[in-house]
Amino acid sequence: MIPKALRQRAGLRAGMDLHLEYHEGKIEIEPVRQPVRLVRRGSRLALAAPPGTRPLTHGQVNQILEEIREGRTRETTRPGS
């Protein structure tokens, strides 16, 4: 059982698919990301989640954007890039 406060901070919900991995003496648990699709909304493209998916919180969106930015930084600072 994962304590409620920790589940909430991690964005884990009942029935959610999880990816578990054992690495260097630690068990890592991550939510399985659901597939999304691009849809046009007026003149802009937006990501659309599968029906029944809960909307992302502001904090979750910021975390995803930060992960994307960190990935781009790693790619551009990698030797030979």
N, C-alpha and C. Protein backbone atom coordinates (compact mmCIF):
# COMPACT_ATOMS: atom_id res chain seq x y z
N MET A 1 0.85 -1.18 0.00
CA MET A 1 0.00 0.00 0.00
C MET A 1 0.90 1.24 0.00
N ILE A 2 0.60 2.15 -0.90
CA ILE A 2 1.33 3.41 -0.97
C ILE A 2 0.51 4.45 -0.19
N PRO A 3 1.14 5.17 0.74
CA PRO A 3 0.40 6.17 1.53
C PRO A 3 -0.31 7.19 0.63
N LYS A 4 -1.49 7.63 1.07
CA LYS A 4 -2.33 8.52 0.29
C LYS A 4 -1.61 9.80 -0.13
N ALA A 5 -0.89 10.44 0.78
CA ALA A 5 -0.20 11.70 0.46
C ALA A 5 0.82 11.48 -0.66
N LEU A 6 1.52 10.36 -0.62
CA LEU A 6 2.51 10.06 -1.65
C LEU A 6 1.83 9.75 -2.99
N ARG A 7 0.72 9.01 -2.95
CA ARG A 7 -0.04 8.73 -4.17
C ARG A 7 -0.51 10.02 -4.82
N GLN A 8 -1.00 10.94 -4.00
CA GLN A 8 -1.50 12.20 -4.53
C GLN A 8 -0.38 13.02 -5.16
N ARG A 9 0.76 13.10 -4.49
CA ARG A 9 1.90 13.85 -5.03
C ARG A 9 2.39 13.26 -6.34
N ALA A 10 2.31 11.93 -6.46
CA ALA A 10 2.77 11.25 -7.67
C ALA A 10 1.70 11.19 -8.76
N GLY A 11 0.48 11.60 -8.44
CA GLY A 11 -0.60 11.57 -9.42
C GLY A 11 -1.12 10.17 -9.69
N LEU A 12 -0.95 9.26 -8.72
CA LEU A 12 -1.43 7.89 -8.88
C LEU A 12 -2.88 7.78 -8.44
N ARG A 13 -3.68 7.04 -9.24
CA ARG A 13 -5.09 6.85 -8.93
C ARG A 13 -5.44 5.37 -9.00
N ALA A 14 -6.52 5.00 -8.35
CA ALA A 14 -6.99 3.61 -8.36
C ALA A 14 -7.26 3.17 -9.78
N GLY A 15 -6.83 1.96 -10.13
CA GLY A 15 -7.08 1.40 -11.44
C GLY A 15 -6.11 1.85 -12.53
N MET A 16 -5.19 2.72 -12.19
CA MET A 16 -4.24 3.26 -13.15
C MET A 16 -3.19 2.19 -13.51
N ASP A 17 -2.83 2.11 -14.78
CA ASP A 17 -1.76 1.20 -15.20
C ASP A 17 -0.42 1.78 -14.77
N LEU A 18 0.43 0.92 -14.21
CA LEU A 18 1.73 1.36 -13.71
C LEU A 18 2.85 0.56 -14.34
N HIS A 19 3.98 1.20 -14.50
CA HIS A 19 5.21 0.54 -14.96
C HIS A 19 6.12 0.43 -13.74
N LEU A 20 6.54 -0.79 -13.40
CA LEU A 20 7.42 -1.01 -12.26
C LEU A 20 8.77 -1.51 -12.76
N GLU A 21 9.83 -1.00 -12.13
CA GLU A 21 11.17 -1.40 -12.51
C GLU A 21 12.05 -1.46 -11.26
N TYR A 22 12.92 -2.44 -11.21
CA TYR A 22 13.87 -2.57 -10.11
C TYR A 22 15.23 -2.14 -10.64
N HIS A 23 15.85 -1.16 -9.97
CA HIS A 23 17.12 -0.61 -10.44
C HIS A 23 17.98 -0.22 -9.25
N GLU A 24 19.15 -0.82 -9.15
CA GLU A 24 20.13 -0.49 -8.11
C GLU A 24 19.52 -0.48 -6.71
N GLY A 25 18.78 -1.53 -6.38
CA GLY A 25 18.22 -1.67 -5.05
C GLY A 25 16.96 -0.87 -4.79
N LYS A 26 16.41 -0.24 -5.81
CA LYS A 26 15.20 0.57 -5.64
C LYS A 26 14.12 0.09 -6.60
N ILE A 27 12.89 0.17 -6.14
CA ILE A 27 11.75 -0.12 -7.01
C ILE A 27 11.20 1.23 -7.48
N GLU A 28 11.13 1.39 -8.80
CA GLU A 28 10.60 2.63 -9.37
C GLU A 28 9.22 2.35 -9.95
N ILE A 29 8.27 3.22 -9.64
CA ILE A 29 6.89 3.08 -10.10
C ILE A 29 6.54 4.34 -10.89
N GLU A 30 6.07 4.14 -12.12
CA GLU A 30 5.65 5.27 -12.94
C GLU A 30 4.30 4.97 -13.58
N PRO A 31 3.44 5.97 -13.67
CA PRO A 31 2.19 5.76 -14.40
C PRO A 31 2.51 5.49 -15.87
N VAL A 32 1.77 4.58 -16.48
CA VAL A 32 1.91 4.33 -17.91
C VAL A 32 1.23 5.49 -18.62
N ARG A 33 1.97 6.12 -19.49
CA ARG A 33 1.40 7.27 -20.21
C ARG A 33 0.40 6.79 -21.25
N GLN A 34 -0.72 7.45 -21.29
CA GLN A 34 -1.77 7.12 -22.24
C GLN A 34 -1.48 7.77 -23.59
N PRO A 35 -1.86 7.11 -24.68
CA PRO A 35 -1.64 7.71 -25.99
C PRO A 35 -2.51 8.95 -26.17
N VAL A 36 -1.96 9.93 -26.85
CA VAL A 36 -2.71 11.16 -27.14
C VAL A 36 -2.66 11.38 -28.65
N ARG A 37 -3.51 12.24 -29.13
CA ARG A 37 -3.50 12.56 -30.55
C ARG A 37 -3.56 14.07 -30.72
N LEU A 38 -3.07 14.55 -31.85
CA LEU A 38 -3.13 15.97 -32.15
C LEU A 38 -4.45 16.29 -32.82
N VAL A 39 -5.10 17.36 -32.37
CA VAL A 39 -6.34 17.82 -32.99
C VAL A 39 -6.22 19.32 -33.23
N ARG A 40 -6.87 19.78 -34.27
CA ARG A 40 -6.85 21.21 -34.56
C ARG A 40 -7.99 21.88 -33.81
N ARG A 41 -7.64 22.93 -33.09
CA ARG A 41 -8.63 23.76 -32.38
C ARG A 41 -8.45 25.18 -32.87
N GLY A 42 -9.26 25.54 -33.83
CA GLY A 42 -9.08 26.85 -34.48
C GLY A 42 -7.80 26.80 -35.30
N SER A 43 -6.91 27.76 -35.04
CA SER A 43 -5.65 27.82 -35.79
C SER A 43 -4.51 27.10 -35.06
N ARG A 44 -4.81 26.46 -33.94
CA ARG A 44 -3.78 25.81 -33.14
C ARG A 44 -3.96 24.30 -33.08
N LEU A 45 -2.85 23.61 -32.83
CA LEU A 45 -2.90 22.17 -32.58
C LEU A 45 -2.90 21.94 -31.07
N ALA A 46 -3.67 20.96 -30.65
CA ALA A 46 -3.74 20.62 -29.22
C ALA A 46 -3.65 19.11 -29.09
N LEU A 47 -3.21 18.66 -27.93
CA LEU A 47 -3.18 17.23 -27.64
C LEU A 47 -4.52 16.83 -27.06
N ALA A 48 -5.09 15.73 -27.54
CA ALA A 48 -6.36 15.23 -27.03
C ALA A 48 -6.12 13.86 -26.40
N ALA A 49 -6.51 13.74 -25.15
CA ALA A 49 -6.35 12.47 -24.42
C ALA A 49 -7.52 11.54 -24.75
N PRO A 50 -7.35 10.25 -24.49
CA PRO A 50 -8.44 9.30 -24.73
C PRO A 50 -9.66 9.65 -23.89
N PRO A 51 -10.87 9.31 -24.35
CA PRO A 51 -12.08 9.58 -23.58
C PRO A 51 -11.99 8.95 -22.19
N GLY A 52 -12.49 9.67 -21.20
CA GLY A 52 -12.49 9.17 -19.83
C GLY A 52 -11.22 9.49 -19.05
N THR A 53 -10.24 10.09 -19.71
CA THR A 53 -9.00 10.45 -19.04
C THR A 53 -9.20 11.73 -18.25
N ARG A 54 -8.69 11.74 -17.04
CA ARG A 54 -8.79 12.96 -16.22
C ARG A 54 -7.89 14.05 -16.80
N PRO A 55 -8.34 15.31 -16.72
CA PRO A 55 -7.49 16.41 -17.20
C PRO A 55 -6.22 16.50 -16.35
N LEU A 56 -5.14 16.96 -16.99
CA LEU A 56 -3.90 17.15 -16.25
C LEU A 56 -4.01 18.39 -15.37
N THR A 57 -3.34 18.35 -14.24
CA THR A 57 -3.30 19.53 -13.38
C THR A 57 -2.24 20.48 -13.93
N HIS A 58 -2.27 21.71 -13.46
CA HIS A 58 -1.28 22.71 -13.86
C HIS A 58 0.12 22.21 -13.51
N GLY A 59 0.26 21.61 -12.34
CA GLY A 59 1.55 21.08 -11.90
C GLY A 59 2.05 19.96 -12.80
N GLN A 60 1.14 19.07 -13.24
CA GLN A 60 1.53 17.98 -14.13
C GLN A 60 1.99 18.52 -15.48
N VAL A 61 1.29 19.53 -16.00
CA VAL A 61 1.69 20.13 -17.28
C VAL A 61 3.08 20.74 -17.15
N ASN A 62 3.31 21.47 -16.06
CA ASN A 62 4.63 22.07 -15.86
C ASN A 62 5.72 21.02 -15.75
N GLN A 63 5.44 19.91 -15.08
CA GLN A 63 6.42 18.84 -14.95
C GLN A 63 6.75 18.23 -16.31
N ILE A 64 5.74 18.00 -17.13
CA ILE A 64 5.95 17.45 -18.47
C ILE A 64 6.78 18.40 -19.31
N LEU A 65 6.45 19.69 -19.27
CA LEU A 65 7.22 20.67 -20.03
C LEU A 65 8.67 20.70 -19.58
N GLU A 66 8.90 20.63 -18.29
CA GLU A 66 10.27 20.62 -17.76
C GLU A 66 11.03 19.39 -18.23
N GLU A 67 10.38 18.22 -18.23
CA GLU A 67 11.02 16.99 -18.71
C GLU A 67 11.39 17.12 -20.19
N ILE A 68 10.52 17.72 -20.98
CA ILE A 68 10.81 17.92 -22.40
C ILE A 68 11.99 18.85 -22.56
N ARG A 69 12.00 19.95 -21.81
CA ARG A 69 13.11 20.90 -21.90
C ARG A 69 14.43 20.26 -21.47
N GLU A 70 14.40 19.48 -20.41
CA GLU A 70 15.62 18.80 -19.95
C GLU A 70 16.13 17.83 -21.02
N GLY A 71 15.21 17.11 -21.66
CA GLY A 71 15.60 16.18 -22.72
C GLY A 71 16.25 16.90 -23.89
N ARG A 72 15.70 18.05 -24.26
CA ARG A 72 16.27 18.82 -25.35
C ARG A 72 17.65 19.35 -24.98
N THR A 73 17.81 19.78 -23.74
CA THR A 73 19.10 20.28 -23.27
C THR A 73 20.14 19.17 -23.32
N ARG A 74 19.77 17.97 -22.85
CA ARG A 74 20.71 16.84 -22.90
C ARG A 74 21.10 16.51 -24.32
N GLU A 75 20.14 16.57 -25.25
CA GLU A 75 20.42 16.26 -26.65
C GLU A 75 21.37 17.26 -27.27
N THR A 76 21.21 18.53 -26.95
CA THR A 76 22.04 19.57 -27.57
C THR A 76 23.40 19.71 -26.91
N THR A 77 23.55 19.20 -25.68
CA THR A 77 24.84 19.30 -25.01
C THR A 77 25.62 18.00 -25.04
N ARG A 78 25.08 16.99 -25.71
CA ARG A 78 25.75 15.70 -25.82
C ARG A 78 26.94 15.85 -26.77
N PRO A 79 28.09 15.26 -26.41
CA PRO A 79 29.26 15.33 -27.32
C PRO A 79 28.90 14.78 -28.69
N GLY A 80 29.35 15.48 -29.72
CA GLY A 80 29.09 15.05 -31.09
C GLY A 80 27.78 15.59 -31.64
N SER A 81 27.06 16.39 -30.85
CA SER A 81 25.78 16.95 -31.32
C SER A 81 26.01 18.21 -32.12
